[in-house]
Amino acid sequence: KNTLYLQMNSLKPEDTAMYYCAADPRRWLLLRGEYTHWGQ
């Protein structure tokens, strides 16, 4: 389906934020911020 998901359970007030998805065509970047493509 070309879809990425984030299931969020036991949410806390400190989880309040703007959430963005990102993708990189050829690099395993882990949690670093250098992803090539970003959503809004």
All heavy atoms as atom14 arrays in JSON, in Angstrom:
{
  "sequence": "KNTLYLQMNSLKPEDTAMYYCAADPRRWLLLRGEYTHWGQ",
  "atom14_mask": [
    [1, 1, 1, 1, 1, 1, 1, 1, 1, 0, 0, 0, 0, 0],
    [1, 1, 1, 1, 1, 1, 1, 1, 0, 0, 0, 0, 0, 0],
    [1, 1, 1, 1, 1, 1, 1, 0, 0, 0, 0, 0, 0, 0],
    [1, 1, 1, 1, 1, 1, 1, 1, 0, 0, 0, 0, 0, 0],
    [1, 1, 1, 1, 1, 1, 1, 1, 1, 1, 1, 1, 0, 0],
    [1, 1, 1, 1, 1, 1, 1, 1, 0, 0, 0, 0, 0, 0],
    [1, 1, 1, 1, 1, 1, 1, 1, 1, 0, 0, 0, 0, 0],
    [1, 1, 1, 1, 1, 1, 1, 1, 0, 0, 0, 0, 0, 0],
    [1, 1, 1, 1, 1, 1, 1, 1, 0, 0, 0, 0, 0, 0],
    [1, 1, 1, 1, 1, 1, 0, 0, 0, 0, 0, 0, 0, 0],
    [1, 1, 1, 1, 1, 1, 1, 1, 0, 0, 0, 0, 0, 0],
    [1, 1, 1, 1, 1, 1, 1, 1, 1, 0, 0, 0, 0, 0],
    [1, 1, 1, 1, 1, 1, 1, 0, 0, 0, 0, 0, 0, 0],
    [1, 1, 1, 1, 1, 1, 1, 1, 1, 0, 0, 0, 0, 0],
    [1, 1, 1, 1, 1, 1, 1, 1, 0, 0, 0, 0, 0, 0],
    [1, 1, 1, 1, 1, 1, 1, 0, 0, 0, 0, 0, 0, 0],
    [1, 1, 1, 1, 1, 0, 0, 0, 0, 0, 0, 0, 0, 0],
    [1, 1, 1, 1, 1, 1, 1, 1, 0, 0, 0, 0, 0, 0],
    [1, 1, 1, 1, 1, 1, 1, 1, 1, 1, 1, 1, 0, 0],
    [1, 1, 1, 1, 1, 1, 1, 1, 1, 1, 1, 1, 0, 0],
    [1, 1, 1, 1, 1, 1, 0, 0, 0, 0, 0, 0, 0, 0],
    [1, 1, 1, 1, 1, 0, 0, 0, 0, 0, 0, 0, 0, 0],
    [1, 1, 1, 1, 1, 0, 0, 0, 0, 0, 0, 0, 0, 0],
    [1, 1, 1, 1, 1, 1, 1, 1, 0, 0, 0, 0, 0, 0],
    [1, 1, 1, 1, 1, 1, 1, 0, 0, 0, 0, 0, 0, 0],
    [1, 1, 1, 1, 1, 1, 1, 1, 1, 1, 1, 0, 0, 0],
    [1, 1, 1, 1, 1, 1, 1, 1, 1, 1, 1, 0, 0, 0],
    [1, 1, 1, 1, 1, 1, 1, 1, 1, 1, 1, 1, 1, 1],
    [1, 1, 1, 1, 1, 1, 1, 1, 0, 0, 0, 0, 0, 0],
    [1, 1, 1, 1, 1, 1, 1, 1, 0, 0, 0, 0, 0, 0],
    [1, 1, 1, 1, 1, 1, 1, 1, 0, 0, 0, 0, 0, 0],
    [1, 1, 1, 1, 1, 1, 1, 1, 1, 1, 1, 0, 0, 0],
    [1, 1, 1, 1, 0, 0, 0, 0, 0, 0, 0, 0, 0, 0],
    [1, 1, 1, 1, 1, 1, 1, 1, 1, 0, 0, 0, 0, 0],
    [1, 1, 1, 1, 1, 1, 1, 1, 1, 1, 1, 1, 0, 0],
    [1, 1, 1, 1, 1, 1, 1, 0, 0, 0, 0, 0, 0, 0],
    [1, 1, 1, 1, 1, 1, 1, 1, 1, 1, 0, 0, 0, 0],
    [1, 1, 1, 1, 1, 1, 1, 1, 1, 1, 1, 1, 1, 1],
    [1, 1, 1, 1, 0, 0, 0, 0, 0, 0, 0, 0, 0, 0],
    [1, 1, 1, 1, 1, 1, 1, 1, 1, 0, 0, 0, 0, 0]
  ],
  "atom14_positions": [
    [[0.8, -1.22, 0.0], [0.0, 0.0, 0.0], [0.84, 1.27, 0.0], [0.29, 2.37, 0.0], [-0.93, 0.02, 1.21], [-1.95, -1.1, 1.23], [-2.85, -1.0, 2.45], [-3.89, -2.11, 2.46], [-4.76, -2.04, 3.67], [0.0, 0.0, 0.0], [0.0, 0.0, 0.0], [0.0, 0.0, 0.0], [0.0, 0.0, 0.0], [0.0, 0.0, 0.0]],
    [[2.16, 1.12, 0.01], [3.07, 2.26, 0.06], [2.7, 3.2, 1.21], [2.61, 4.42, 1.03], [3.07, 3.01, -1.27], [3.61, 2.18, -2.41], [4.61, 1.47, -2.25], [2.98, 2.27, -3.56], [0.0, 0.0, 0.0], [0.0, 0.0, 0.0], [0.0, 0.0, 0.0], [0.0, 0.0, 0.0], [0.0, 0.0, 0.0], [0.0, 0.0, 0.0]],
    [[2.51, 2.62, 2.37], [2.06, 3.38, 3.53], [2.89, 3.06, 4.76], [3.19, 1.9, 5.03], [0.58, 3.1, 3.82], [-0.2, 3.42, 2.66], [0.09, 3.96, 4.98], [0.0, 0.0, 0.0], [0.0, 0.0, 0.0], [0.0, 0.0, 0.0], [0.0, 0.0, 0.0], [0.0, 0.0, 0.0], [0.0, 0.0, 0.0], [0.0, 0.0, 0.0]],
    [[3.24, 4.09, 5.5], [3.95, 3.99, 6.77], [2.96, 4.31, 7.88], [2.13, 5.21, 7.74], [5.1, 4.98, 6.79], [5.92, 5.09, 8.08], [6.79, 3.84, 8.25], [6.77, 6.35, 8.05], [0.0, 0.0, 0.0], [0.0, 0.0, 0.0], [0.0, 0.0, 0.0], [0.0, 0.0, 0.0], [0.0, 0.0, 0.0], [0.0, 0.0, 0.0]],
    [[3.05, 3.58, 9.0], [2.14, 3.79, 10.12], [2.91, 4.05, 11.41], [4.04, 3.6, 11.59], [1.27, 2.55, 10.35], [0.41, 2.17, 9.18], [0.81, 1.14, 8.32], [-0.79, 2.81, 8.93], [0.03, 0.77, 7.24], [-1.58, 2.44, 7.85], [-1.17, 1.43, 7.01], [-1.95, 1.06, 5.94], [0.0, 0.0, 0.0], [0.0, 0.0, 0.0]],
    [[2.26, 4.76, 12.32], [2.74, 4.89, 13.68], [1.54, 4.67, 14.61], [0.67, 5.53, 14.7], [3.37, 6.25, 13.94], [4.01, 6.42, 15.33], [5.24, 5.51, 15.46], [4.4, 7.87, 15.59], [0.0, 0.0, 0.0], [0.0, 0.0, 0.0], [0.0, 0.0, 0.0], [0.0, 0.0, 0.0], [0.0, 0.0, 0.0], [0.0, 0.0, 0.0]],
    [[1.51, 3.51, 15.25], [0.48, 3.23, 16.24], [0.94, 3.8, 17.57], [1.99, 3.42, 18.08], [0.25, 1.72, 16.37], [-0.79, 1.33, 17.41], [-2.18, 1.79, 17.05], [-2.62, 1.6, 15.92], [-2.87, 2.4, 18.0], [0.0, 0.0, 0.0], [0.0, 0.0, 0.0], [0.0, 0.0, 0.0], [0.0, 0.0, 0.0], [0.0, 0.0, 0.0]],
    [[0.16, 4.7, 18.15], [0.51, 5.37, 19.39], [-0.51, 5.0, 20.46], [-1.68, 5.35, 20.35], [0.55, 6.89, 19.19], [1.47, 7.32, 18.05], [1.68, 9.13, 17.97], [0.02, 9.63, 17.58], [0.0, 0.0, 0.0], [0.0, 0.0, 0.0], [0.0, 0.0, 0.0], [0.0, 0.0, 0.0], [0.0, 0.0, 0.0], [0.0, 0.0, 0.0]],
    [[-0.05, 4.29, 21.48], [-0.89, 3.89, 22.6], [-0.42, 4.57, 23.88], [0.7, 5.08, 23.95], [-0.86, 2.37, 22.78], [-1.39, 1.62, 21.59], [-2.32, 2.06, 20.92], [-0.81, 0.44, 21.33], [0.0, 0.0, 0.0], [0.0, 0.0, 0.0], [0.0, 0.0, 0.0], [0.0, 0.0, 0.0], [0.0, 0.0, 0.0], [0.0, 0.0, 0.0]],
    [[-1.27, 4.56, 24.88], [-0.95, 5.15, 26.19], [-0.39, 6.56, 26.04], [0.63, 6.92, 26.62], [0.05, 4.25, 26.93], [-0.48, 2.96, 27.13], [0.0, 0.0, 0.0], [0.0, 0.0, 0.0], [0.0, 0.0, 0.0], [0.0, 0.0, 0.0], [0.0, 0.0, 0.0], [0.0, 0.0, 0.0], [0.0, 0.0, 0.0], [0.0, 0.0, 0.0]],
    [[-1.08, 7.36, 25.25], [-0.6, 8.7, 24.95], [-0.57, 9.58, 26.21], [-1.42, 9.45, 27.08], [-1.46, 9.35, 23.88], [-1.15, 8.86, 22.46], [-2.3, 9.18, 21.52], [0.14, 9.5, 21.95], [0.0, 0.0, 0.0], [0.0, 0.0, 0.0], [0.0, 0.0, 0.0], [0.0, 0.0, 0.0], [0.0, 0.0, 0.0], [0.0, 0.0, 0.0]],
    [[0.43, 10.44, 26.25], [0.64, 11.36, 27.36], [0.6, 12.79, 26.85], [0.89, 13.05, 25.68], [2.01, 11.1, 28.0], [2.24, 9.68, 28.46], [3.67, 9.51, 28.95], [3.92, 8.09, 29.41], [5.32, 7.92, 29.87], [0.0, 0.0, 0.0], [0.0, 0.0, 0.0], [0.0, 0.0, 0.0], [0.0, 0.0, 0.0], [0.0, 0.0, 0.0]],
    [[0.26, 13.76, 27.71], [0.28, 15.16, 27.28], [1.61, 15.58, 26.66], [1.62, 16.4, 25.74], [-0.02, 15.92, 28.57], [-0.87, 14.98, 29.35], [-0.28, 13.61, 29.08], [0.0, 0.0, 0.0], [0.0, 0.0, 0.0], [0.0, 0.0, 0.0], [0.0, 0.0, 0.0], [0.0, 0.0, 0.0], [0.0, 0.0, 0.0], [0.0, 0.0, 0.0]],
    [[2.71, 15.04, 27.15], [4.01, 15.39, 26.61], [4.27, 14.85, 25.21], [5.29, 15.16, 24.6], [5.15, 14.96, 27.55], [5.05, 13.52, 28.01], [4.4, 13.38, 29.37], [3.34, 13.99, 29.6], [4.97, 12.66, 30.22], [0.0, 0.0, 0.0], [0.0, 0.0, 0.0], [0.0, 0.0, 0.0], [0.0, 0.0, 0.0], [0.0, 0.0, 0.0]],
    [[3.35, 14.03, 24.68], [3.43, 13.6, 23.29], [2.83, 14.62, 22.34], [2.92, 14.45, 21.12], [2.7, 12.26, 23.1], [3.36, 11.11, 23.85], [4.6, 11.01, 23.82], [2.62, 10.31, 24.45], [0.0, 0.0, 0.0], [0.0, 0.0, 0.0], [0.0, 0.0, 0.0], [0.0, 0.0, 0.0], [0.0, 0.0, 0.0], [0.0, 0.0, 0.0]],
    [[2.22, 15.66, 22.87], [1.61, 16.7, 22.04], [2.67, 17.37, 21.19], [3.65, 17.92, 21.7], [0.89, 17.73, 22.91], [-0.19, 17.1, 23.59], [0.35, 18.87, 22.07], [0.0, 0.0, 0.0], [0.0, 0.0, 0.0], [0.0, 0.0, 0.0], [0.0, 0.0, 0.0], [0.0, 0.0, 0.0], [0.0, 0.0, 0.0], [0.0, 0.0, 0.0]],
    [[2.49, 17.34, 19.87], [3.48, 17.87, 18.94], [2.94, 17.78, 17.52], [1.91, 17.16, 17.27], [4.8, 17.08, 19.04], [0.0, 0.0, 0.0], [0.0, 0.0, 0.0], [0.0, 0.0, 0.0], [0.0, 0.0, 0.0], [0.0, 0.0, 0.0], [0.0, 0.0, 0.0], [0.0, 0.0, 0.0], [0.0, 0.0, 0.0], [0.0, 0.0, 0.0]],
    [[3.67, 18.4, 16.61], [3.44, 18.18, 15.2], [4.28, 16.98, 14.79], [5.49, 16.93, 15.07], [3.84, 19.41, 14.38], [3.52, 19.3, 12.9], [1.75, 19.4, 12.53], [1.45, 21.14, 12.84], [0.0, 0.0, 0.0], [0.0, 0.0, 0.0], [0.0, 0.0, 0.0], [0.0, 0.0, 0.0], [0.0, 0.0, 0.0], [0.0, 0.0, 0.0]],
    [[3.65, 16.0, 14.15], [4.33, 14.78, 13.74], [4.54, 14.78, 12.23], [3.61, 15.06, 11.47], [3.52, 13.55, 14.15], [3.65, 13.24, 15.62], [3.01, 14.04, 16.57], [4.41, 12.17, 16.07], [3.14, 13.78, 17.93], [4.54, 11.9, 17.42], [3.91, 12.71, 18.35], [4.04, 12.44, 19.69], [0.0, 0.0, 0.0], [0.0, 0.0, 0.0]],
    [[5.75, 14.44, 11.82], [6.13, 14.42, 10.41], [6.63, 13.04, 10.02], [7.32, 12.38, 10.8], [7.27, 15.41, 10.14], [6.97, 16.84, 10.47], [7.15, 17.34, 11.76], [6.52, 17.71, 9.48], [6.87, 18.67, 12.06], [6.24, 19.04, 9.78], [6.43, 19.51, 11.06], [6.16, 20.83, 11.35], [0.0, 0.0, 0.0], [0.0, 0.0, 0.0]],
    [[6.31, 12.6, 8.81], [6.94, 11.4, 8.29], [8.05, 11.78, 7.33], [8.06, 12.87, 6.76], [5.93, 10.45, 7.63], [5.09, 11.07, 6.17], [0.0, 0.0, 0.0], [0.0, 0.0, 0.0], [0.0, 0.0, 0.0], [0.0, 0.0, 0.0], [0.0, 0.0, 0.0], [0.0, 0.0, 0.0], [0.0, 0.0, 0.0], [0.0, 0.0, 0.0]],
    [[9.0, 10.88, 7.18], [10.16, 11.13, 6.34], [10.61, 9.83, 5.68], [10.36, 8.74, 6.19], [11.31, 11.71, 7.17], [0.0, 0.0, 0.0], [0.0, 0.0, 0.0], [0.0, 0.0, 0.0], [0.0, 0.0, 0.0], [0.0, 0.0, 0.0], [0.0, 0.0, 0.0], [0.0, 0.0, 0.0], [0.0, 0.0, 0.0], [0.0, 0.0, 0.0]],
    [[11.28, 9.95, 4.55], [11.79, 8.78, 3.84], [13.11, 9.11, 3.17], [13.36, 10.25, 2.8], [10.78, 8.3, 2.79], [0.0, 0.0, 0.0], [0.0, 0.0, 0.0], [0.0, 0.0, 0.0], [0.0, 0.0, 0.0], [0.0, 0.0, 0.0], [0.0, 0.0, 0.0], [0.0, 0.0, 0.0], [0.0, 0.0, 0.0], [0.0, 0.0, 0.0]],
    [[13.95, 8.09, 3.05], [15.2, 8.24, 2.33], [15.36, 7.06, 1.39], [15.15, 5.92, 1.79], [16.4, 8.3, 3.28], [17.62, 8.89, 2.59], [18.38, 8.12, 1.97], [17.79, 10.12, 2.66], [0.0, 0.0, 0.0], [0.0, 0.0, 0.0], [0.0, 0.0, 0.0], [0.0, 0.0, 0.0], [0.0, 0.0, 0.0], [0.0, 0.0, 0.0]],
    [[15.72, 7.33, 0.13], [15.75, 6.25, -0.86], [16.83, 5.21, -0.67], [16.63, 4.06, -1.08], [15.93, 7.0, -2.19], [16.6, 8.28, -1.8], [16.0, 8.63, -0.48], [0.0, 0.0, 0.0], [0.0, 0.0, 0.0], [0.0, 0.0, 0.0], [0.0, 0.0, 0.0], [0.0, 0.0, 0.0], [0.0, 0.0, 0.0], [0.0, 0.0, 0.0]],
    [[17.96, 5.55, -0.04], [19.08, 4.62, -0.02], [19.91, 4.6, 1.25], [20.91, 3.86, 1.29], [19.99, 4.9, -1.21], [20.54, 6.31, -1.26], [21.32, 6.54, -2.56], [21.77, 7.91, -2.65], [22.9, 8.37, -2.1], [23.69, 7.55, -1.42], [23.23, 9.64, -2.25], [0.0, 0.0, 0.0], [0.0, 0.0, 0.0], [0.0, 0.0, 0.0]],
    [[19.54, 5.34, 2.27], [20.33, 5.39, 3.5], [19.51, 4.99, 4.71], [18.37, 5.42, 4.87], [20.89, 6.8, 3.72], [21.79, 7.31, 2.62], [22.22, 8.75, 2.91], [21.08, 9.66, 2.9], [21.14, 10.94, 3.25], [22.3, 11.47, 3.63], [20.05, 11.7, 3.21], [0.0, 0.0, 0.0], [0.0, 0.0, 0.0], [0.0, 0.0, 0.0]],
    [[20.09, 4.18, 5.6], [19.49, 3.84, 6.88], [19.96, 4.89, 7.88], [21.07, 4.82, 8.41], [19.9, 2.43, 7.28], [19.51, 1.96, 8.66], [20.29, 1.23, 9.52], [18.27, 2.16, 9.35], [19.61, 0.96, 10.67], [18.36, 1.53, 10.6], [17.07, 2.82, 9.02], [17.32, 1.52, 11.54], [16.04, 2.83, 9.94], [16.16, 2.18, 11.18]],
    [[19.13, 5.86, 8.1], [19.48, 7.03, 8.89], [19.07, 6.94, 10.35], [19.37, 7.86, 11.13], [18.86, 8.28, 8.27], [19.42, 8.68, 6.9], [18.56, 9.76, 6.27], [20.86, 9.16, 7.04], [0.0, 0.0, 0.0], [0.0, 0.0, 0.0], [0.0, 0.0, 0.0], [0.0, 0.0, 0.0], [0.0, 0.0, 0.0], [0.0, 0.0, 0.0]],
    [[18.38, 5.85, 10.73], [17.89, 5.71, 12.1], [17.07, 6.93, 12.49], [16.16, 7.31, 11.76], [19.06, 5.45, 13.06], [19.81, 4.14, 12.8], [21.03, 4.35, 11.94], [20.2, 3.48, 14.1], [0.0, 0.0, 0.0], [0.0, 0.0, 0.0], [0.0, 0.0, 0.0], [0.0, 0.0, 0.0], [0.0, 0.0, 0.0], [0.0, 0.0, 0.0]],
    [[17.4, 7.59, 13.6], [16.64, 8.74, 14.06], [17.32, 10.07, 13.74], [16.94, 11.11, 14.29], [16.37, 8.63, 15.56], [15.53, 7.41, 15.98], [15.39, 7.37, 17.49], [14.17, 7.43, 15.31], [0.0, 0.0, 0.0], [0.0, 0.0, 0.0], [0.0, 0.0, 0.0], [0.0, 0.0, 0.0], [0.0, 0.0, 0.0], [0.0, 0.0, 0.0]],
    [[18.3, 10.04, 12.87], [18.95, 11.28, 12.46], [18.04, 12.05, 11.51], [17.18, 11.48, 10.84], [20.31, 11.0, 11.8], [21.26, 10.23, 12.7], [22.71, 10.33, 12.22], [22.9, 9.94, 10.84], [23.08, 8.7, 10.42], [23.09, 7.69, 11.3], [23.26, 8.46, 9.14], [0.0, 0.0, 0.0], [0.0, 0.0, 0.0], [0.0, 0.0, 0.0]],
    [[18.26, 13.34, 11.41], [17.35, 14.22, 10.7], [17.62, 14.47, 9.23], [16.95, 15.31, 8.63], [0.0, 0.0, 0.0], [0.0, 0.0, 0.0], [0.0, 0.0, 0.0], [0.0, 0.0, 0.0], [0.0, 0.0, 0.0], [0.0, 0.0, 0.0], [0.0, 0.0, 0.0], [0.0, 0.0, 0.0], [0.0, 0.0, 0.0], [0.0, 0.0, 0.0]],
    [[18.55, 13.75, 8.63], [18.96, 14.03, 7.26], [18.15, 13.32, 6.17], [18.65, 13.12, 5.06], [20.44, 13.67, 7.08], [21.38, 14.42, 8.04], [21.75, 13.58, 9.25], [20.85, 13.0, 9.88], [22.96, 13.52, 9.59], [0.0, 0.0, 0.0], [0.0, 0.0, 0.0], [0.0, 0.0, 0.0], [0.0, 0.0, 0.0], [0.0, 0.0, 0.0]],
    [[16.92, 12.94, 6.46], [16.08, 12.28, 5.47], [15.84, 13.19, 4.27], [15.72, 14.41, 4.41], [14.75, 11.85, 6.08], [14.88, 10.62, 6.95], [15.41, 10.72, 8.24], [14.49, 9.38, 6.49], [15.55, 9.59, 9.04], [14.62, 8.24, 7.28], [15.14, 8.36, 8.55], [15.27, 7.24, 9.35], [0.0, 0.0, 0.0], [0.0, 0.0, 0.0]],
    [[15.74, 12.59, 3.1], [15.62, 13.34, 1.86], [14.24, 13.93, 1.66], [14.09, 15.07, 1.21], [15.98, 12.45, 0.66], [17.32, 11.97, 0.81], [15.87, 13.22, -0.65], [0.0, 0.0, 0.0], [0.0, 0.0, 0.0], [0.0, 0.0, 0.0], [0.0, 0.0, 0.0], [0.0, 0.0, 0.0], [0.0, 0.0, 0.0], [0.0, 0.0, 0.0]],
    [[13.2, 13.16, 1.98], [11.82, 13.58, 1.71], [11.01, 13.66, 2.98], [11.12, 12.79, 3.86], [11.17, 12.61, 0.72], [11.87, 12.55, -0.6], [12.59, 11.45, -1.01], [11.96, 13.45, -1.59], [13.11, 11.68, -2.2], [12.74, 12.9, -2.58], [0.0, 0.0, 0.0], [0.0, 0.0, 0.0], [0.0, 0.0, 0.0], [0.0, 0.0, 0.0]],
    [[10.18, 14.69, 3.06], [9.4, 14.98, 4.26], [7.95, 15.31, 3.91], [7.68, 15.91, 2.87], [9.98, 16.18, 5.01], [11.33, 15.93, 5.57], [12.53, 16.02, 4.92], [11.63, 15.56, 6.91], [13.56, 15.72, 5.77], [13.04, 15.43, 7.0], [10.85, 15.33, 8.04], [13.67, 15.08, 8.19], [11.48, 14.97, 9.22], [12.87, 14.85, 9.29]],
    [[7.04, 14.92, 4.81], [5.68, 15.37, 4.72], [5.51, 16.72, 5.38], [6.47, 17.29, 5.92], [0.0, 0.0, 0.0], [0.0, 0.0, 0.0], [0.0, 0.0, 0.0], [0.0, 0.0, 0.0], [0.0, 0.0, 0.0], [0.0, 0.0, 0.0], [0.0, 0.0, 0.0], [0.0, 0.0, 0.0], [0.0, 0.0, 0.0], [0.0, 0.0, 0.0]],
    [[4.3, 17.24, 5.37], [4.03, 18.56, 5.93], [3.5, 18.53, 7.35], [3.31, 19.58, 7.96], [3.08, 19.35, 5.02], [3.73, 19.75, 3.71], [2.92, 20.78, 2.96], [1.78, 20.53, 2.58], [3.52, 21.94, 2.75], [0.0, 0.0, 0.0], [0.0, 0.0, 0.0], [0.0, 0.0, 0.0], [0.0, 0.0, 0.0], [0.0, 0.0, 0.0]]
  ]
}
